[in-house]
Protein backbone atom coordinates (compact mmCIF):
# COMPACT_ATOMS: atom_id res chain seq x y z
CA MET A 1 0.00 0.00 0.00
CA SER A 2 1.22 3.50 -0.71
CA ILE A 3 -0.01 6.88 0.52
CA CYS A 4 0.40 10.08 -1.46
CA LEU A 5 1.60 12.97 0.72
CA ARG A 6 1.94 15.44 -2.16
CA GLY A 7 -0.84 17.80 -1.02
CA PHE A 8 0.23 17.58 2.60
CA ALA A 9 3.85 18.46 1.87
CA ASP A 10 2.57 21.84 0.68
CA THR A 11 1.37 22.74 4.18
CA ARG A 12 3.58 24.87 6.40
CA ALA A 13 3.98 22.10 8.98
CA LEU A 14 5.16 19.51 6.45
CA LYS A 15 6.89 21.74 3.88
CA ARG A 16 10.29 20.19 4.61
CA LEU A 17 9.02 16.84 3.31
CA SER A 18 9.15 18.32 -0.21
CA SER A 19 12.90 17.76 -0.06
CA ALA A 20 13.81 14.27 -1.30
CA SER A 21 16.78 14.10 1.08
CA MET A 22 14.57 14.97 4.08
CA PHE A 23 11.85 12.53 3.01
CA ALA A 24 14.47 9.76 2.71
CA GLN A 25 15.29 10.16 6.43
CA ALA A 26 11.93 8.64 7.45
CA ARG A 27 12.00 6.00 10.15
CA ILE A 28 9.44 4.18 12.29
CA SER A 29 9.05 5.32 15.90
CA GLU A 30 10.20 3.08 18.74
CA HIS A 31 6.68 1.78 19.42
CA GLY A 32 5.58 1.75 15.78
CA THR A 33 3.00 4.51 16.23
CA ALA A 34 4.49 7.13 13.89
CA VAL A 35 6.79 7.81 10.97
CA ILE A 36 9.46 10.23 12.18
CA TRP A 37 11.72 12.57 10.26
CA ILE A 38 12.88 14.88 13.08
CA ASP A 39 12.37 13.80 16.72
CA ASP A 40 9.63 15.79 18.51
CA GLU A 41 9.31 18.10 15.50
CA LEU A 42 8.35 16.38 12.25
CA ASP A 43 6.34 13.16 12.28
CA LEU A 44 3.06 11.62 11.15
CA GLY A 45 1.07 9.34 13.41
CA THR A 46 -0.09 5.98 12.13
CA ASP A 47 -3.73 6.93 12.78
CA ASN A 48 -3.36 9.89 10.41
CA LEU A 49 -1.59 7.77 7.82
CA HIS A 50 -4.30 5.11 8.05
CA ASN A 51 -6.96 7.80 7.61
CA LEU A 52 -5.17 9.07 4.47
CA ALA A 53 -4.94 5.53 3.08
CA VAL A 54 -8.68 4.95 3.61
CA GLU A 55 -9.63 8.26 1.98
CA GLN A 56 -7.23 7.83 -0.95
CA ALA A 57 -8.77 4.39 -1.55
CA GLY A 58 -12.20 6.05 -1.82
CA GLY A 59 -13.42 5.40 1.72
CA ILE A 60 -14.42 7.77 4.49
CA GLY A 61 -11.70 8.16 7.09
CA HIS A 62 -12.33 8.45 10.81
CA GLU A 63 -11.48 12.16 10.82
CA ARG A 64 -14.54 12.90 8.69
CA ASP A 65 -17.00 10.79 10.69
CA LEU A 66 -17.68 13.38 13.39
CA VAL A 67 -18.21 16.97 12.30
CA PRO A 68 -19.30 19.74 14.66
CA ALA A 69 -22.81 20.96 13.93
CA PRO A 70 -23.13 24.72 13.36
CA PRO A 71 -23.92 26.80 16.48
CA GLY A 72 -27.58 27.28 17.26
CA PRO A 73 -29.47 30.59 17.29
CA ASP A 74 -28.32 31.45 20.82
CA ASN A 75 -24.72 30.50 19.99
CA GLU A 76 -24.99 27.44 22.23
CA ARG A 77 -22.24 24.87 22.30
CA PRO A 78 -22.28 22.89 19.04
CA GLN A 79 -23.32 19.26 19.12
CA PHE A 80 -21.54 16.59 17.10
CA ARG A 81 -23.31 14.67 14.39
CA LEU A 82 -22.36 11.81 12.15
CA THR A 83 -21.93 12.70 8.53
CA ARG A 84 -20.76 11.08 5.34
CA ARG A 85 -19.64 14.41 3.89
CA HIS A 86 -16.36 14.43 1.97
CA ALA A 87 -13.96 17.33 2.29
């Protein structure tokens, strides 16, 4: 399985991954819960990578399952609702 990070490497947080030499430094964390490039600074958790894999395969990832509902008329605290909306 492969995951495309092209769009994510354009974000400010992951911009350094655009460099092939930086990307090549990837390693698995000690407990296998992240891919790390720079300790405590540049990494991607396996839950996020799994979510990307699901979405890139045409599924709905866990990060899109719960979406805050818009505030009500009295600006009350939003409730969460299940949705199948794609971003």
